[in-house]
Amino acid sequence: MAVVKPAILRTDNHARLLVLLRWQSGSVRFVNSVTERPVAIHFRVDGMFRDFSVATDAGTEAYYTGGMYSMNKAVSAESLPHLRFCSIKGIAVTIGFYDFQLNDGCLEVKLLWTI
């Protein structure tokens, strides 16, 4: 099985090629601009981004879900070829060997082919 998973990271004014390994993991951290509470989203790389989990307070989870369902149960089933986040408070992304900080803007990571 191929283990290298190249990806491209784009911000509003920057692009960078990433070399990821299928067993690596990542996280996205930001402060919700409405609730003013921290949110951390964790995931695994694999063939697509998967095995998501979210860590935040109950009020922020209720803001996202309307209190109607478990956010972790919903996101754990997701499998996505790209991630996109926008924040006016800033975003911190760790994925594989890489760490990125972005203030007031959007960040996208798109998995490419498997090597």
N, C-alpha and C. Protein backbone atom coordinates (compact mmCIF):
# COMPACT_ATOMS: atom_id res chain seq x y z
N MET A 1 0.84 -1.18 0.00
CA MET A 1 0.00 0.00 0.00
C MET A 1 0.89 1.24 0.00
N ALA A 2 0.54 2.20 -0.83
CA ALA A 2 1.28 3.46 -0.89
C ALA A 2 1.05 4.25 0.40
N VAL A 3 2.07 4.92 0.87
CA VAL A 3 1.97 5.62 2.14
C VAL A 3 2.03 7.13 2.02
N VAL A 4 2.53 7.66 0.92
CA VAL A 4 2.70 9.10 0.77
C VAL A 4 1.44 9.71 0.18
N LYS A 5 0.97 10.77 0.80
CA LYS A 5 -0.24 11.46 0.35
C LYS A 5 0.08 12.94 0.20
N PRO A 6 0.39 13.39 -1.02
CA PRO A 6 0.64 14.83 -1.21
C PRO A 6 -0.65 15.63 -1.07
N ALA A 7 -0.49 16.86 -0.65
CA ALA A 7 -1.64 17.75 -0.47
C ALA A 7 -1.20 19.16 -0.80
N ILE A 8 -2.17 20.00 -1.08
CA ILE A 8 -1.89 21.41 -1.28
C ILE A 8 -2.64 22.21 -0.23
N LEU A 9 -1.93 23.13 0.39
CA LEU A 9 -2.52 24.02 1.37
C LEU A 9 -2.64 25.39 0.74
N ARG A 10 -3.84 25.97 0.81
CA ARG A 10 -4.06 27.31 0.25
C ARG A 10 -4.66 28.21 1.32
N THR A 11 -4.16 29.44 1.34
CA THR A 11 -4.79 30.49 2.13
C THR A 11 -5.25 31.55 1.15
N ASP A 12 -5.74 32.66 1.66
CA ASP A 12 -6.21 33.72 0.77
C ASP A 12 -5.10 34.28 -0.12
N ASN A 13 -3.84 34.14 0.30
CA ASN A 13 -2.74 34.72 -0.49
C ASN A 13 -1.49 33.83 -0.55
N HIS A 14 -1.65 32.54 -0.33
CA HIS A 14 -0.48 31.66 -0.28
C HIS A 14 -0.89 30.23 -0.67
N ALA A 15 0.02 29.51 -1.29
CA ALA A 15 -0.19 28.09 -1.58
C ALA A 15 1.12 27.35 -1.29
N ARG A 16 0.97 26.11 -0.79
CA ARG A 16 2.15 25.33 -0.44
C ARG A 16 1.84 23.85 -0.62
N LEU A 17 2.79 23.11 -1.17
CA LEU A 17 2.67 21.67 -1.32
C LEU A 17 3.09 21.00 -0.01
N LEU A 18 2.31 20.03 0.44
CA LEU A 18 2.61 19.26 1.65
C LEU A 18 2.84 17.81 1.27
N VAL A 19 3.73 17.14 1.96
CA VAL A 19 3.93 15.71 1.81
C VAL A 19 3.49 15.06 3.11
N LEU A 20 2.38 14.36 3.05
CA LEU A 20 1.80 13.73 4.23
C LEU A 20 1.94 12.22 4.13
N LEU A 21 1.87 11.56 5.26
CA LEU A 21 1.88 10.10 5.31
C LEU A 21 0.50 9.64 5.77
N ARG A 22 0.04 8.53 5.23
CA ARG A 22 -1.34 8.09 5.45
C ARG A 22 -1.69 7.85 6.92
N TRP A 23 -0.73 7.56 7.76
CA TRP A 23 -1.03 7.28 9.16
C TRP A 23 -0.96 8.53 10.04
N GLN A 24 -0.65 9.67 9.45
CA GLN A 24 -0.53 10.89 10.25
C GLN A 24 -1.91 11.44 10.63
N SER A 25 -1.87 12.36 11.56
CA SER A 25 -3.10 13.00 12.02
C SER A 25 -2.93 14.50 11.97
N GLY A 26 -4.01 15.18 12.29
CA GLY A 26 -3.97 16.64 12.28
C GLY A 26 -5.03 17.22 13.18
N SER A 27 -4.96 18.52 13.33
CA SER A 27 -5.97 19.24 14.11
C SER A 27 -6.09 20.66 13.59
N VAL A 28 -7.27 21.20 13.79
CA VAL A 28 -7.56 22.59 13.47
C VAL A 28 -8.10 23.21 14.75
N ARG A 29 -7.52 24.34 15.14
CA ARG A 29 -7.94 25.01 16.38
C ARG A 29 -8.29 26.46 16.06
N PHE A 30 -9.40 26.90 16.62
CA PHE A 30 -9.83 28.28 16.43
C PHE A 30 -10.77 28.67 17.55
N VAL A 31 -11.08 29.95 17.63
CA VAL A 31 -12.05 30.44 18.59
C VAL A 31 -13.31 30.80 17.82
N ASN A 32 -14.45 30.23 18.25
CA ASN A 32 -15.72 30.54 17.61
C ASN A 32 -16.02 32.01 17.83
N SER A 33 -16.28 32.74 16.75
CA SER A 33 -16.45 34.19 16.85
C SER A 33 -17.78 34.59 17.50
N VAL A 34 -18.74 33.69 17.60
CA VAL A 34 -20.02 33.99 18.23
C VAL A 34 -19.98 33.67 19.73
N THR A 35 -19.52 32.46 20.06
CA THR A 35 -19.52 32.04 21.47
C THR A 35 -18.24 32.46 22.19
N GLU A 36 -17.20 32.84 21.42
CA GLU A 36 -15.91 33.23 22.00
C GLU A 36 -15.23 32.08 22.73
N ARG A 37 -15.56 30.84 22.37
CA ARG A 37 -14.99 29.66 23.01
C ARG A 37 -14.10 28.91 22.02
N PRO A 38 -13.05 28.23 22.52
CA PRO A 38 -12.15 27.48 21.63
C PRO A 38 -12.81 26.22 21.07
N VAL A 39 -12.41 25.89 19.86
CA VAL A 39 -12.86 24.68 19.17
C VAL A 39 -11.62 23.97 18.64
N ALA A 40 -11.54 22.67 18.82
CA ALA A 40 -10.45 21.85 18.26
C ALA A 40 -11.07 20.70 17.49
N ILE A 41 -10.67 20.58 16.23
CA ILE A 41 -11.14 19.49 15.39
C ILE A 41 -9.95 18.59 15.10
N HIS A 42 -10.07 17.33 15.43
CA HIS A 42 -8.99 16.36 15.21
C HIS A 42 -9.41 15.40 14.10
N PHE A 43 -8.41 14.91 13.34
CA PHE A 43 -8.70 14.01 12.23
C PHE A 43 -7.47 13.18 11.89
N ARG A 44 -7.66 12.19 11.05
CA ARG A 44 -6.59 11.33 10.54
C ARG A 44 -6.50 11.56 9.04
N VAL A 45 -5.29 11.40 8.47
CA VAL A 45 -5.09 11.64 7.03
C VAL A 45 -5.59 10.47 6.21
N ASP A 46 -5.00 9.30 6.27
CA ASP A 46 -5.35 8.11 5.49
C ASP A 46 -5.53 8.45 4.01
N GLY A 47 -6.44 7.79 3.30
CA GLY A 47 -6.69 8.09 1.89
C GLY A 47 -7.48 9.38 1.71
N MET A 48 -8.29 9.71 2.71
CA MET A 48 -9.02 10.97 2.81
C MET A 48 -8.96 11.40 4.26
N PHE A 49 -9.34 12.63 4.53
CA PHE A 49 -9.44 13.07 5.91
C PHE A 49 -10.62 12.34 6.54
N ARG A 50 -10.38 11.70 7.70
CA ARG A 50 -11.44 10.89 8.33
C ARG A 50 -11.22 10.80 9.83
N ASP A 51 -12.11 10.08 10.49
CA ASP A 51 -12.06 9.88 11.93
C ASP A 51 -12.03 11.22 12.69
N PHE A 52 -12.95 12.09 12.32
CA PHE A 52 -13.02 13.42 12.93
C PHE A 52 -13.59 13.35 14.34
N SER A 53 -13.12 14.26 15.17
CA SER A 53 -13.71 14.49 16.48
C SER A 53 -13.57 15.98 16.79
N VAL A 54 -14.49 16.48 17.59
CA VAL A 54 -14.50 17.90 17.92
C VAL A 54 -14.48 18.06 19.43
N ALA A 55 -13.63 18.94 19.91
CA ALA A 55 -13.58 19.26 21.33
C ALA A 55 -13.94 20.73 21.50
N THR A 56 -15.02 20.98 22.24
CA THR A 56 -15.44 22.34 22.56
C THR A 56 -16.38 22.28 23.75
N ASP A 57 -16.86 23.41 24.19
CA ASP A 57 -17.78 23.42 25.32
C ASP A 57 -19.21 23.13 24.84
N ALA A 58 -20.08 22.82 25.78
CA ALA A 58 -21.46 22.45 25.46
C ALA A 58 -22.22 23.57 24.76
N GLY A 59 -21.98 24.81 25.15
CA GLY A 59 -22.66 25.94 24.53
C GLY A 59 -22.29 26.11 23.07
N THR A 60 -21.01 25.93 22.74
CA THR A 60 -20.58 26.05 21.35
C THR A 60 -21.10 24.88 20.53
N GLU A 61 -21.09 23.68 21.10
CA GLU A 61 -21.67 22.55 20.38
C GLU A 61 -23.15 22.80 20.10
N ALA A 62 -23.87 23.34 21.06
CA ALA A 62 -25.29 23.66 20.85
C ALA A 62 -25.45 24.74 19.78
N TYR A 63 -24.53 25.68 19.72
CA TYR A 63 -24.57 26.71 18.67
C TYR A 63 -24.48 26.07 17.29
N TYR A 64 -23.58 25.10 17.14
CA TYR A 64 -23.40 24.44 15.83
C TYR A 64 -24.55 23.49 15.49
N THR A 65 -25.09 22.82 16.47
CA THR A 65 -26.06 21.75 16.19
C THR A 65 -27.50 22.12 16.55
N GLY A 66 -27.70 23.26 17.15
CA GLY A 66 -29.03 23.61 17.63
C GLY A 66 -29.47 22.72 18.78
N GLY A 67 -28.51 21.98 19.37
CA GLY A 67 -28.82 21.07 20.46
C GLY A 67 -29.59 19.84 20.02
N MET A 68 -29.61 19.57 18.71
CA MET A 68 -30.44 18.50 18.16
C MET A 68 -29.72 17.15 18.03
N TYR A 69 -28.39 17.14 18.02
CA TYR A 69 -27.66 15.90 17.84
C TYR A 69 -26.25 16.03 18.39
N SER A 70 -25.56 14.91 18.50
CA SER A 70 -24.17 14.88 18.96
C SER A 70 -23.26 15.26 17.80
N MET A 71 -22.50 16.32 17.97
CA MET A 71 -21.60 16.76 16.91
C MET A 71 -20.53 15.70 16.63
N ASN A 72 -19.97 15.08 17.67
CA ASN A 72 -18.93 14.07 17.45
C ASN A 72 -19.47 12.85 16.72
N LYS A 73 -20.68 12.45 17.03
CA LYS A 73 -21.26 11.32 16.32
C LYS A 73 -21.45 11.66 14.84
N ALA A 74 -21.87 12.87 14.55
CA ALA A 74 -22.09 13.29 13.16
C ALA A 74 -20.78 13.39 12.38
N VAL A 75 -19.76 14.00 12.96
CA VAL A 75 -18.52 14.22 12.21
C VAL A 75 -17.65 12.97 12.13
N SER A 76 -17.81 12.03 13.05
CA SER A 76 -16.95 10.84 13.03
C SER A 76 -17.17 9.99 11.79
N ALA A 77 -18.33 10.09 11.16
CA ALA A 77 -18.63 9.30 9.96
C ALA A 77 -18.16 9.99 8.67
N GLU A 78 -17.70 11.23 8.76
CA GLU A 78 -17.29 11.97 7.56
C GLU A 78 -15.97 11.44 7.00
N SER A 79 -15.84 11.54 5.68
CA SER A 79 -14.62 11.19 4.97
C SER A 79 -14.51 12.18 3.81
N LEU A 80 -13.52 13.06 3.87
CA LEU A 80 -13.46 14.20 2.95
C LEU A 80 -12.11 14.31 2.24
N PRO A 81 -12.10 14.69 0.95
CA PRO A 81 -10.83 14.89 0.24
C PRO A 81 -10.21 16.26 0.49
N HIS A 82 -10.98 17.19 1.06
CA HIS A 82 -10.41 18.49 1.38
C HIS A 82 -11.10 19.09 2.60
N LEU A 83 -10.39 20.00 3.25
CA LEU A 83 -10.89 20.72 4.41
C LEU A 83 -10.80 22.20 4.14
N ARG A 84 -11.80 22.96 4.56
CA ARG A 84 -11.77 24.42 4.40
C ARG A 84 -12.35 25.05 5.66
N PHE A 85 -11.58 26.00 6.21
CA PHE A 85 -12.00 26.70 7.41
C PHE A 85 -11.75 28.19 7.22
N CYS A 86 -12.64 28.99 7.73
CA CYS A 86 -12.50 30.44 7.73
C CYS A 86 -12.73 30.94 9.15
N SER A 87 -11.99 31.96 9.55
CA SER A 87 -12.14 32.50 10.89
C SER A 87 -11.66 33.94 10.93
N ILE A 88 -12.38 34.78 11.64
CA ILE A 88 -11.92 36.15 11.84
C ILE A 88 -11.05 36.27 13.09
N LYS A 89 -11.02 35.22 13.89
CA LYS A 89 -10.23 35.20 15.13
C LYS A 89 -8.90 34.49 14.98
N GLY A 90 -8.67 33.80 13.85
CA GLY A 90 -7.44 33.07 13.63
C GLY A 90 -7.64 31.56 13.65
N ILE A 91 -6.77 30.87 12.93
CA ILE A 91 -6.83 29.42 12.80
C ILE A 91 -5.42 28.87 13.01
N ALA A 92 -5.30 27.80 13.78
CA ALA A 92 -4.03 27.08 13.93
C ALA A 92 -4.26 25.67 13.38
N VAL A 93 -3.43 25.27 12.43
CA VAL A 93 -3.56 23.95 11.82
C VAL A 93 -2.26 23.18 12.02
N THR A 94 -2.40 21.97 12.51
CA THR A 94 -1.28 21.02 12.57
C THR A 94 -1.71 19.83 11.75
N ILE A 95 -0.88 19.46 10.78
CA ILE A 95 -1.17 18.29 9.96
C ILE A 95 0.15 17.62 9.61
N GLY A 96 0.28 16.37 10.05
CA GLY A 96 1.54 15.68 9.82
C GLY A 96 2.70 16.43 10.46
N PHE A 97 3.71 16.76 9.63
CA PHE A 97 4.91 17.46 10.10
C PHE A 97 4.76 18.97 10.13
N TYR A 98 3.60 19.50 9.73
CA TYR A 98 3.44 20.92 9.47
C TYR A 98 2.55 21.61 10.50
N ASP A 99 2.92 22.86 10.80
CA ASP A 99 2.13 23.73 11.67
C ASP A 99 1.92 25.06 10.95
N PHE A 100 0.68 25.54 10.93
CA PHE A 100 0.35 26.80 10.26
C PHE A 100 -0.52 27.65 11.18
N GLN A 101 -0.34 28.95 11.10
CA GLN A 101 -1.16 29.92 11.80
C GLN A 101 -1.70 30.89 10.76
N LEU A 102 -2.97 31.21 10.86
CA LEU A 102 -3.58 32.17 9.93
C LEU A 102 -4.50 33.06 10.73
N ASN A 103 -4.36 34.37 10.55
CA ASN A 103 -5.23 35.32 11.22
C ASN A 103 -6.19 35.92 10.20
N ASP A 104 -7.46 35.92 10.54
CA ASP A 104 -8.50 36.57 9.74
C ASP A 104 -8.47 36.17 8.27
N GLY A 105 -8.90 34.97 7.99
CA GLY A 105 -8.95 34.51 6.61
C GLY A 105 -9.41 33.07 6.52
N CYS A 106 -9.17 32.49 5.36
CA CYS A 106 -9.57 31.11 5.10
C CYS A 106 -8.35 30.25 4.78
N LEU A 107 -8.47 28.98 5.09
CA LEU A 107 -7.41 28.01 4.85
C LEU A 107 -8.06 26.75 4.30
N GLU A 108 -7.47 26.19 3.24
CA GLU A 108 -7.96 24.96 2.65
C GLU A 108 -6.81 23.99 2.45
N VAL A 109 -7.04 22.74 2.80
CA VAL A 109 -6.08 21.66 2.54
C VAL A 109 -6.79 20.64 1.67
N LYS A 110 -6.18 20.35 0.52
CA LYS A 110 -6.78 19.40 -0.42
C LYS A 110 -5.80 18.26 -0.67
N LEU A 111 -6.27 17.03 -0.41
CA LEU A 111 -5.45 15.86 -0.69
C LEU A 111 -5.39 15.62 -2.19
N LEU A 112 -4.22 15.25 -2.67
CA LEU A 112 -4.05 14.98 -4.09
C LEU A 112 -4.05 13.47 -4.30
N TRP A 113 -3.25 12.96 -5.14
CA TRP A 113 -3.17 11.53 -5.43
C TRP A 113 -2.36 10.81 -4.36
N THR A 114 -2.33 9.50 -4.41
CA THR A 114 -1.55 8.69 -3.49
C THR A 114 -0.32 8.16 -4.21
N ILE A 115 0.84 8.28 -3.54
CA ILE A 115 2.09 7.79 -4.11
C ILE A 115 2.50 6.53 -3.35
